């Protein structure tokens, strides 16, 4: 079975940096920051095989088409799958307690 390439958007990369900084600086737990970011990166890397196992979210939820979501600890990872290019595009990584619809793509210009 062919594997998918994983690409992080600029916004998703910033999300990971912000998650690590928040846990490290605000919660004063560098070890937890490393563990959390590593768990997210590991879960994302597992999307290289059968990323379709996560359902497409309803458009009215996100006002975007063909977006999927998986939960890793207290974070949602939003992504899309490009079947033609065999690519998984990581769009955003957001804390589950935040207003999701409002925050999606907030860092993209």
C-alpha atoms as a PDB file:
ATOM      1  CA  UNK A   1       0.000   0.000   0.000  1.00  0.00           C
ATOM      2  CA  UNK A   2       1.286   3.432  -0.942  1.00  0.00           C
ATOM      3  CA  UNK A   3       2.085   5.833   1.873  1.00  0.00           C
ATOM      4  CA  UNK A   4       0.939   9.435   1.996  1.00  0.00           C
ATOM      5  CA  UNK A   5       3.304  12.365   2.369  1.00  0.00           C
ATOM      6  CA  UNK A   6       2.587  14.628   5.349  1.00  0.00           C
ATOM      7  CA  UNK A   7       2.726  18.417   4.914  1.00  0.00           C
ATOM      8  CA  UNK A   8       2.204  20.922   7.721  1.00  0.00           C
ATOM      9  CA  UNK A   9       0.728  24.312   6.864  1.00  0.00           C
ATOM     10  CA  UNK A  10       2.491  27.369   8.226  1.00  0.00           C
ATOM     11  CA  UNK A  11      -0.424  27.831  10.627  1.00  0.00           C
ATOM     12  CA  UNK A  12      -0.142  24.262  11.935  1.00  0.00           C
ATOM     13  CA  UNK A  13       3.587  24.733  12.561  1.00  0.00           C
ATOM     14  CA  UNK A  14       2.851  27.901  14.506  1.00  0.00           C
ATOM     15  CA  UNK A  15       0.138  26.046  16.434  1.00  0.00           C
ATOM     16  CA  UNK A  16       2.694  23.448  17.585  1.00  0.00           C
ATOM     17  CA  UNK A  17       5.159  26.151  18.637  1.00  0.00           C
ATOM     18  CA  UNK A  18       2.419  27.945  20.577  1.00  0.00           C
ATOM     19  CA  UNK A  19       1.269  24.736  22.257  1.00  0.00           C
ATOM     20  CA  UNK A  20       4.800  23.958  23.423  1.00  0.00           C
ATOM     21  CA  UNK A  21       5.368  27.534  24.608  1.00  0.00           C
ATOM     22  CA  UNK A  22       2.089  27.641  26.525  1.00  0.00           C
ATOM     23  CA  UNK A  23       2.687  24.351  28.337  1.00  0.00           C
ATOM     24  CA  UNK A  24       6.310  25.183  29.043  1.00  0.00           C
ATOM     25  CA  UNK A  25       5.902  28.826  30.096  1.00  0.00           C
ATOM     26  CA  UNK A  26       2.383  29.120  31.481  1.00  0.00           C
ATOM     27  CA  UNK A  27       1.994  25.658  32.976  1.00  0.00           C
ATOM     28  CA  UNK A  28       5.696  25.499  33.899  1.00  0.00           C
ATOM     29  CA  UNK A  29       6.102  21.978  32.574  1.00  0.00           C
ATOM     30  CA  UNK A  30       8.806  21.604  29.909  1.00  0.00           C
ATOM     31  CA  UNK A  31       8.567  17.806  30.085  1.00  0.00           C
ATOM     32  CA  UNK A  32       4.813  17.873  29.459  1.00  0.00           C
ATOM     33  CA  UNK A  33       5.353  20.321  26.592  1.00  0.00           C
ATOM     34  CA  UNK A  34       7.789  17.933  24.909  1.00  0.00           C
ATOM     35  CA  UNK A  35       5.560  14.922  25.515  1.00  0.00           C
ATOM     36  CA  UNK A  36       2.470  16.651  24.148  1.00  0.00           C
ATOM     37  CA  UNK A  37       4.099  17.976  20.991  1.00  0.00           C
ATOM     38  CA  UNK A  38       5.823  14.633  20.391  1.00  0.00           C
ATOM     39  CA  UNK A  39       2.498  12.796  20.797  1.00  0.00           C
ATOM     40  CA  UNK A  40       0.881  15.106  18.232  1.00  0.00           C
ATOM     41  CA  UNK A  41       3.765  14.694  15.776  1.00  0.00           C
ATOM     42  CA  UNK A  42       3.667  10.902  16.207  1.00  0.00           C
ATOM     43  CA  UNK A  43      -0.098  10.759  15.638  1.00  0.00           C
ATOM     44  CA  UNK A  44       0.237  12.962  12.555  1.00  0.00           C
ATOM     45  CA  UNK A  45       3.015  10.777  11.173  1.00  0.00           C
ATOM     46  CA  UNK A  46       0.659   7.789  11.477  1.00  0.00           C
ATOM     47  CA  UNK A  47      -1.637   9.504   8.962  1.00  0.00           C
ATOM     48  CA  UNK A  48       0.769   8.358   6.254  1.00  0.00           C
ATOM     49  CA  UNK A  49      -1.285   5.157   6.111  1.00  0.00           C
ATOM     50  CA  UNK A  50      -5.061   5.212   5.617  1.00  0.00           C
ATOM     51  CA  UNK A  51      -5.757   8.835   6.576  1.00  0.00           C
ATOM     52  CA  UNK A  52      -9.341   8.277   5.355  1.00  0.00           C
ATOM     53  CA  UNK A  53     -10.047   6.348   8.565  1.00  0.00           C
ATOM     54  CA  UNK A  54     -11.109   9.719   9.975  1.00  0.00           C
ATOM     55  CA  UNK A  55     -14.447  10.953   8.684  1.00  0.00           C
ATOM     56  CA  UNK A  56     -14.895  14.153   6.714  1.00  0.00           C
ATOM     57  CA  UNK A  57     -16.471  16.782   8.938  1.00  0.00           C
ATOM     58  CA  UNK A  58     -19.767  18.384   7.913  1.00  0.00           C
ATOM     59  CA  UNK A  59     -19.184  21.559   5.889  1.00  0.00           C
ATOM     60  CA  UNK A  60     -21.558  23.572   8.034  1.00  0.00           C
ATOM     61  CA  UNK A  61     -19.310  22.902  11.037  1.00  0.00           C
ATOM     62  CA  UNK A  62     -16.220  24.459   9.475  1.00  0.00           C
ATOM     63  CA  UNK A  63     -17.277  26.269   6.315  1.00  0.00           C
ATOM     64  CA  UNK A  64     -14.566  24.276   4.527  1.00  0.00           C
ATOM     65  CA  UNK A  65     -14.819  21.187   2.372  1.00  0.00           C
ATOM     66  CA  UNK A  66     -13.169  17.826   2.880  1.00  0.00           C
ATOM     67  CA  UNK A  67     -11.636  18.527   6.291  1.00  0.00           C
ATOM     68  CA  UNK A  68     -11.056  15.691   8.720  1.00  0.00           C
ATOM     69  CA  UNK A  69     -10.203  15.798  12.412  1.00  0.00           C
ATOM     70  CA  UNK A  70      -8.461  13.552  14.870  1.00  0.00           C
ATOM     71  CA  UNK A  71      -7.999  14.058  18.576  1.00  0.00           C
ATOM     72  CA  UNK A  72      -4.593  13.734  20.216  1.00  0.00           C
ATOM     73  CA  UNK A  73      -4.760  14.234  23.966  1.00  0.00           C
ATOM     74  CA  UNK A  74      -6.411  17.637  24.483  1.00  0.00           C
ATOM     75  CA  UNK A  75      -5.917  18.800  20.895  1.00  0.00           C
ATOM     76  CA  UNK A  76      -7.733  18.429  17.598  1.00  0.00           C
ATOM     77  CA  UNK A  77      -5.628  18.035  14.473  1.00  0.00           C
ATOM     78  CA  UNK A  78      -7.458  19.227  11.350  1.00  0.00           C
ATOM     79  CA  UNK A  79      -6.302  17.913   8.002  1.00  0.00           C
ATOM     80  CA  UNK A  80      -7.276  17.280   4.412  1.00  0.00           C
ATOM     81  CA  UNK A  81      -6.323  14.410   2.125  1.00  0.00           C
ATOM     82  CA  UNK A  82      -5.222  14.891  -1.480  1.00  0.00           C
ATOM     83  CA  UNK A  83      -5.787  11.502  -3.100  1.00  0.00           C
ATOM     84  CA  UNK A  84      -4.227  12.492  -6.432  1.00  0.00           C
ATOM     85  CA  UNK A  85      -0.961  13.612  -4.819  1.00  0.00           C
ATOM     86  CA  UNK A  86      -1.096  11.045  -1.974  1.00  0.00           C
ATOM     87  CA  UNK A  87      -0.643  13.902   0.473  1.00  0.00           C
ATOM     88  CA  UNK A  88      -2.066  14.726   3.901  1.00  0.00           C
ATOM     89  CA  UNK A  89      -2.211  18.451   4.587  1.00  0.00           C
ATOM     90  CA  UNK A  90      -2.158  19.359   8.277  1.00  0.00           C
ATOM     91  CA  UNK A  91      -4.200  22.540   8.549  1.00  0.00           C
ATOM     92  CA  UNK A  92      -4.486  23.392  12.241  1.00  0.00           C
ATOM     93  CA  UNK A  93      -3.817  21.988  15.705  1.00  0.00           C
ATOM     94  CA  UNK A  94      -6.203  23.448  18.286  1.00  0.00           C
ATOM     95  CA  UNK A  95      -6.959  22.933  21.958  1.00  0.00           C
ATOM     96  CA  UNK A  96     -10.283  21.097  22.270  1.00  0.00           C
ATOM     97  CA  UNK A  97     -11.628  23.695  24.697  1.00  0.00           C
ATOM     98  CA  UNK A  98     -11.338  26.559  22.217  1.00  0.00           C
ATOM     99  CA  UNK A  99     -14.020  27.713  19.802  1.00  0.00           C
ATOM    100  CA  UNK A 100     -12.987  25.541  16.844  1.00  0.00           C
ATOM    101  CA  UNK A 101     -14.853  27.192  14.004  1.00  0.00           C
ATOM    102  CA  UNK A 102     -13.571  30.629  14.963  1.00  0.00           C
ATOM    103  CA  UNK A 103      -9.961  29.488  15.332  1.00  0.00           C
ATOM    104  CA  UNK A 104      -9.555  27.391  12.186  1.00  0.00           C
ATOM    105  CA  UNK A 105      -7.204  29.105   9.793  1.00  0.00           C
ATOM    106  CA  UNK A 106      -6.826  32.110  12.091  1.00  0.00           C
ATOM    107  CA  UNK A 107      -3.050  32.087  11.575  1.00  0.00           C
ATOM    108  CA  UNK A 108      -3.195  31.860   7.780  1.00  0.00           C
ATOM    109  CA  UNK A 109      -2.989  34.894   5.547  1.00  0.00           C
END
